[in-house]
N, C-alpha and C. Protein backbone atom coordinates (compact mmCIF):
# COMPACT_ATOMS: atom_id res chain seq x y z
N MET A 1 89.13 127.59 75.22
CA MET A 1 90.28 127.05 74.52
C MET A 1 91.40 126.79 75.54
N ASN A 2 91.93 125.58 75.52
CA ASN A 2 93.02 125.23 76.43
C ASN A 2 94.34 125.76 75.91
N LYS A 3 95.08 126.37 76.80
CA LYS A 3 96.40 126.86 76.42
C LYS A 3 97.43 125.79 76.74
N ILE A 4 98.31 125.58 75.82
CA ILE A 4 99.37 124.60 76.02
C ILE A 4 100.64 125.36 76.41
N LYS A 5 101.19 124.98 77.52
CA LYS A 5 102.42 125.62 77.97
C LYS A 5 103.59 124.71 77.61
N ILE A 6 104.47 125.23 76.82
CA ILE A 6 105.64 124.47 76.39
C ILE A 6 106.73 124.63 77.43
N GLN A 7 107.29 123.51 77.85
CA GLN A 7 108.38 123.54 78.81
C GLN A 7 109.59 122.86 78.20
N LEU A 8 110.72 123.49 78.35
CA LEU A 8 111.97 122.93 77.84
C LEU A 8 112.51 121.90 78.82
N ILE A 9 113.25 120.95 78.28
CA ILE A 9 113.92 119.99 79.15
C ILE A 9 115.03 120.70 79.90
N GLU A 10 115.45 120.12 81.02
CA GLU A 10 116.45 120.77 81.86
C GLU A 10 117.75 121.07 81.11
N ASP A 11 118.17 120.16 80.29
CA ASP A 11 119.46 120.32 79.61
C ASP A 11 119.26 120.77 78.16
N TRP A 12 118.34 121.69 77.92
CA TRP A 12 118.02 122.13 76.57
C TRP A 12 119.21 122.76 75.86
N ARG A 13 120.14 123.31 76.61
CA ARG A 13 121.31 123.94 75.98
C ARG A 13 122.23 122.90 75.33
N ASN A 14 122.07 121.67 75.72
CA ASN A 14 122.89 120.59 75.17
C ASN A 14 122.16 119.76 74.12
N PHE A 15 121.04 120.29 73.61
CA PHE A 15 120.24 119.49 72.67
C PHE A 15 121.05 119.01 71.48
N TRP A 16 122.00 119.78 71.03
CA TRP A 16 122.79 119.43 69.85
C TRP A 16 123.71 118.24 70.11
N ARG A 17 123.90 117.89 71.40
CA ARG A 17 124.76 116.75 71.73
C ARG A 17 124.00 115.43 71.74
N PHE A 18 122.68 115.46 71.71
CA PHE A 18 121.88 114.23 71.71
C PHE A 18 122.05 113.52 70.38
N TRP A 19 122.25 112.21 70.44
CA TRP A 19 122.39 111.44 69.21
C TRP A 19 121.11 111.47 68.39
N SER A 20 119.98 111.59 69.07
CA SER A 20 118.72 111.66 68.32
C SER A 20 118.68 112.91 67.44
N VAL A 21 119.20 114.01 67.94
CA VAL A 21 119.23 115.24 67.16
C VAL A 21 120.25 115.12 66.03
N ARG A 22 121.42 114.61 66.35
CA ARG A 22 122.47 114.48 65.33
C ARG A 22 122.03 113.58 64.18
N LEU A 23 121.44 112.41 64.52
CA LEU A 23 120.99 111.49 63.48
C LEU A 23 119.83 112.07 62.69
N GLY A 24 118.96 112.82 63.36
CA GLY A 24 117.87 113.48 62.65
C GLY A 24 118.37 114.48 61.63
N VAL A 25 119.38 115.24 62.00
CA VAL A 25 119.96 116.22 61.08
C VAL A 25 120.64 115.51 59.91
N ILE A 26 121.41 114.48 60.19
CA ILE A 26 122.10 113.74 59.13
C ILE A 26 121.09 113.10 58.18
N GLY A 27 120.06 112.45 58.73
CA GLY A 27 119.04 111.81 57.90
C GLY A 27 118.28 112.81 57.05
N SER A 28 117.93 113.93 57.64
CA SER A 28 117.21 114.96 56.89
C SER A 28 118.08 115.56 55.79
N ALA A 29 119.34 115.82 56.11
CA ALA A 29 120.25 116.40 55.11
C ALA A 29 120.48 115.42 53.96
N LEU A 30 120.67 114.16 54.29
CA LEU A 30 120.89 113.15 53.25
C LEU A 30 119.67 112.97 52.36
N THR A 31 118.50 112.91 52.97
CA THR A 31 117.27 112.78 52.19
C THR A 31 117.06 114.01 51.31
N GLY A 32 117.29 115.19 51.87
CA GLY A 32 117.16 116.42 51.10
C GLY A 32 118.12 116.46 49.93
N TRP A 33 119.35 116.01 50.17
CA TRP A 33 120.35 115.98 49.09
C TRP A 33 119.93 115.01 47.99
N LEU A 34 119.42 113.83 48.39
CA LEU A 34 118.99 112.85 47.39
C LEU A 34 117.83 113.37 46.55
N VAL A 35 116.93 114.11 47.17
CA VAL A 35 115.78 114.66 46.45
C VAL A 35 116.20 115.82 45.56
N ALA A 36 117.07 116.69 46.09
CA ALA A 36 117.47 117.89 45.35
C ALA A 36 118.44 117.59 44.20
N PHE A 37 119.30 116.61 44.40
CA PHE A 37 120.34 116.32 43.40
C PHE A 37 120.38 114.83 43.06
N PRO A 38 119.33 114.30 42.46
CA PRO A 38 119.32 112.86 42.18
C PRO A 38 120.41 112.42 41.21
N ASP A 39 120.79 113.29 40.27
CA ASP A 39 121.85 112.93 39.32
C ASP A 39 123.19 112.76 40.02
N GLN A 40 123.50 113.66 40.94
CA GLN A 40 124.74 113.54 41.70
C GLN A 40 124.72 112.30 42.59
N ALA A 41 123.56 112.00 43.16
CA ALA A 41 123.45 110.81 43.99
C ALA A 41 123.75 109.56 43.18
N LEU A 42 123.27 109.52 41.93
CA LEU A 42 123.55 108.37 41.07
C LEU A 42 125.03 108.30 40.68
N GLN A 43 125.67 109.46 40.50
CA GLN A 43 127.10 109.48 40.21
C GLN A 43 127.91 108.96 41.39
N VAL A 44 127.52 109.37 42.59
CA VAL A 44 128.21 108.87 43.79
C VAL A 44 128.01 107.37 43.90
N TRP A 45 126.80 106.91 43.61
CA TRP A 45 126.51 105.48 43.65
C TRP A 45 127.41 104.72 42.67
N ALA A 46 127.61 105.27 41.48
CA ALA A 46 128.43 104.62 40.46
C ALA A 46 129.89 104.54 40.89
N LEU A 47 130.34 105.48 41.73
CA LEU A 47 131.74 105.49 42.18
C LEU A 47 132.02 104.53 43.33
N LEU A 48 130.96 104.05 43.99
CA LEU A 48 131.16 103.15 45.12
C LEU A 48 131.68 101.80 44.66
N PRO A 49 132.53 101.16 45.46
CA PRO A 49 133.02 99.82 45.11
C PRO A 49 131.87 98.81 45.05
N ALA A 50 132.02 97.82 44.21
CA ALA A 50 130.96 96.82 43.99
C ALA A 50 130.62 96.07 45.26
N ASP A 51 131.62 95.74 46.09
CA ASP A 51 131.32 94.99 47.31
C ASP A 51 130.49 95.82 48.30
N LEU A 52 130.67 97.13 48.31
CA LEU A 52 129.87 98.00 49.15
C LEU A 52 128.44 98.11 48.61
N LYS A 53 128.31 98.17 47.29
CA LYS A 53 126.98 98.23 46.67
C LYS A 53 126.18 96.95 46.91
N ALA A 54 126.87 95.83 47.09
CA ALA A 54 126.19 94.56 47.32
C ALA A 54 125.41 94.57 48.63
N TYR A 55 125.85 95.35 49.60
CA TYR A 55 125.16 95.44 50.89
C TYR A 55 123.87 96.25 50.81
N LEU A 56 123.80 97.18 49.89
CA LEU A 56 122.63 98.05 49.76
C LEU A 56 122.23 98.15 48.29
N PRO A 57 121.22 97.40 47.88
CA PRO A 57 120.77 97.49 46.49
C PRO A 57 120.34 98.91 46.13
N GLU A 58 120.52 99.26 44.87
CA GLU A 58 120.27 100.63 44.40
C GLU A 58 118.85 101.12 44.69
N GLN A 59 117.86 100.24 44.60
CA GLN A 59 116.48 100.68 44.83
C GLN A 59 116.23 101.11 46.28
N TYR A 60 117.10 100.69 47.21
CA TYR A 60 116.95 101.08 48.62
C TYR A 60 117.74 102.32 48.99
N MET A 61 118.51 102.85 48.06
CA MET A 61 119.34 104.02 48.34
C MET A 61 118.54 105.22 48.87
N PRO A 62 117.37 105.53 48.31
CA PRO A 62 116.60 106.67 48.85
C PRO A 62 116.12 106.46 50.29
N LEU A 63 116.09 105.23 50.75
CA LEU A 63 115.60 104.95 52.09
C LEU A 63 116.67 105.11 53.17
N VAL A 64 117.91 105.35 52.77
CA VAL A 64 119.00 105.49 53.75
C VAL A 64 118.71 106.67 54.68
N GLY A 65 118.30 107.79 54.13
CA GLY A 65 117.99 108.96 54.95
C GLY A 65 116.85 108.69 55.92
N VAL A 66 115.84 107.97 55.44
CA VAL A 66 114.70 107.62 56.28
C VAL A 66 115.16 106.68 57.41
N ALA A 67 116.01 105.72 57.07
CA ALA A 67 116.52 104.79 58.08
C ALA A 67 117.31 105.53 59.16
N ILE A 68 118.11 106.49 58.77
CA ILE A 68 118.86 107.27 59.75
C ILE A 68 117.91 108.06 60.63
N PHE A 69 116.84 108.61 60.05
CA PHE A 69 115.86 109.33 60.85
C PHE A 69 115.19 108.40 61.86
N VAL A 70 114.84 107.18 61.44
CA VAL A 70 114.24 106.21 62.35
C VAL A 70 115.23 105.86 63.47
N LEU A 71 116.50 105.73 63.13
CA LEU A 71 117.51 105.48 64.15
C LEU A 71 117.58 106.62 65.16
N SER A 72 117.29 107.84 64.71
CA SER A 72 117.29 108.96 65.65
C SER A 72 116.18 108.81 66.68
N LEU A 73 115.06 108.25 66.27
CA LEU A 73 113.98 108.00 67.23
C LEU A 73 114.38 106.94 68.24
N VAL A 74 115.06 105.91 67.77
CA VAL A 74 115.55 104.87 68.67
C VAL A 74 116.59 105.45 69.62
N ALA A 75 117.47 106.29 69.10
CA ALA A 75 118.53 106.88 69.92
C ALA A 75 117.95 107.75 71.02
N ARG A 76 116.80 108.33 70.80
CA ARG A 76 116.19 109.18 71.82
C ARG A 76 115.78 108.37 73.04
N ALA A 77 115.49 107.09 72.86
CA ALA A 77 115.07 106.24 73.96
C ALA A 77 116.25 105.67 74.74
N ILE A 78 117.46 105.80 74.20
CA ILE A 78 118.65 105.25 74.85
C ILE A 78 119.25 106.31 75.77
N LYS A 79 119.53 105.90 76.99
CA LYS A 79 120.11 106.81 77.98
C LYS A 79 121.55 107.15 77.59
N GLN A 80 121.84 108.43 77.55
CA GLN A 80 123.19 108.90 77.22
C GLN A 80 123.82 109.46 78.49
N THR A 81 124.54 108.61 79.19
CA THR A 81 125.05 108.98 80.51
C THR A 81 126.04 110.14 80.47
N LYS A 82 126.74 110.32 79.37
CA LYS A 82 127.70 111.43 79.28
C LYS A 82 127.01 112.79 79.28
N LEU A 83 125.73 112.83 78.95
CA LEU A 83 125.00 114.09 78.88
C LEU A 83 124.28 114.44 80.17
N GLU A 84 124.26 113.51 81.13
CA GLU A 84 123.54 113.76 82.38
C GLU A 84 124.35 114.66 83.30
N PRO A 85 123.66 115.62 83.93
CA PRO A 85 124.35 116.44 84.94
C PRO A 85 124.79 115.57 86.10
N LYS A 86 125.87 115.89 86.72
CA LYS A 86 126.41 115.11 87.84
C LYS A 86 125.44 115.15 89.03
N GLY A 87 125.13 113.98 89.58
CA GLY A 87 124.31 113.89 90.78
C GLY A 87 122.82 114.06 90.55
N VAL A 88 122.36 114.09 89.31
CA VAL A 88 120.94 114.26 89.03
C VAL A 88 120.42 112.99 88.36
N GLU A 89 119.34 112.43 88.93
CA GLU A 89 118.71 111.27 88.33
C GLU A 89 117.80 111.72 87.20
N ASP A 90 117.81 111.01 86.12
CA ASP A 90 116.98 111.37 84.96
C ASP A 90 116.01 110.23 84.70
N ASP A 91 114.71 110.49 84.81
CA ASP A 91 113.74 109.45 84.55
C ASP A 91 113.17 109.51 83.15
N ARG A 92 113.74 110.37 82.31
CA ARG A 92 113.32 110.49 80.91
C ARG A 92 113.79 109.31 80.11
N THR A 93 113.00 108.89 79.12
CA THR A 93 113.46 107.84 78.21
C THR A 93 113.52 108.37 76.82
């Protein structure tokens, strides 16, 4: 049986600063809220202005959390220069 050795990235202490992590948390929380409290989600939807609702039809509302999660995957591929240690080249994508 092959043993898999898990290695942390160099800047693991800053994981919470990555946009991929932040968007993943927001998307997961939003999706969880929509699933757990669908009645409240519909009440919030009813309170939104009509011009804002025109941009996102009601049937796509549950997909907002999924879209944010997908954006987190895209954000992981984008280089975040503010998070790089000074003087260190990062070849990660």
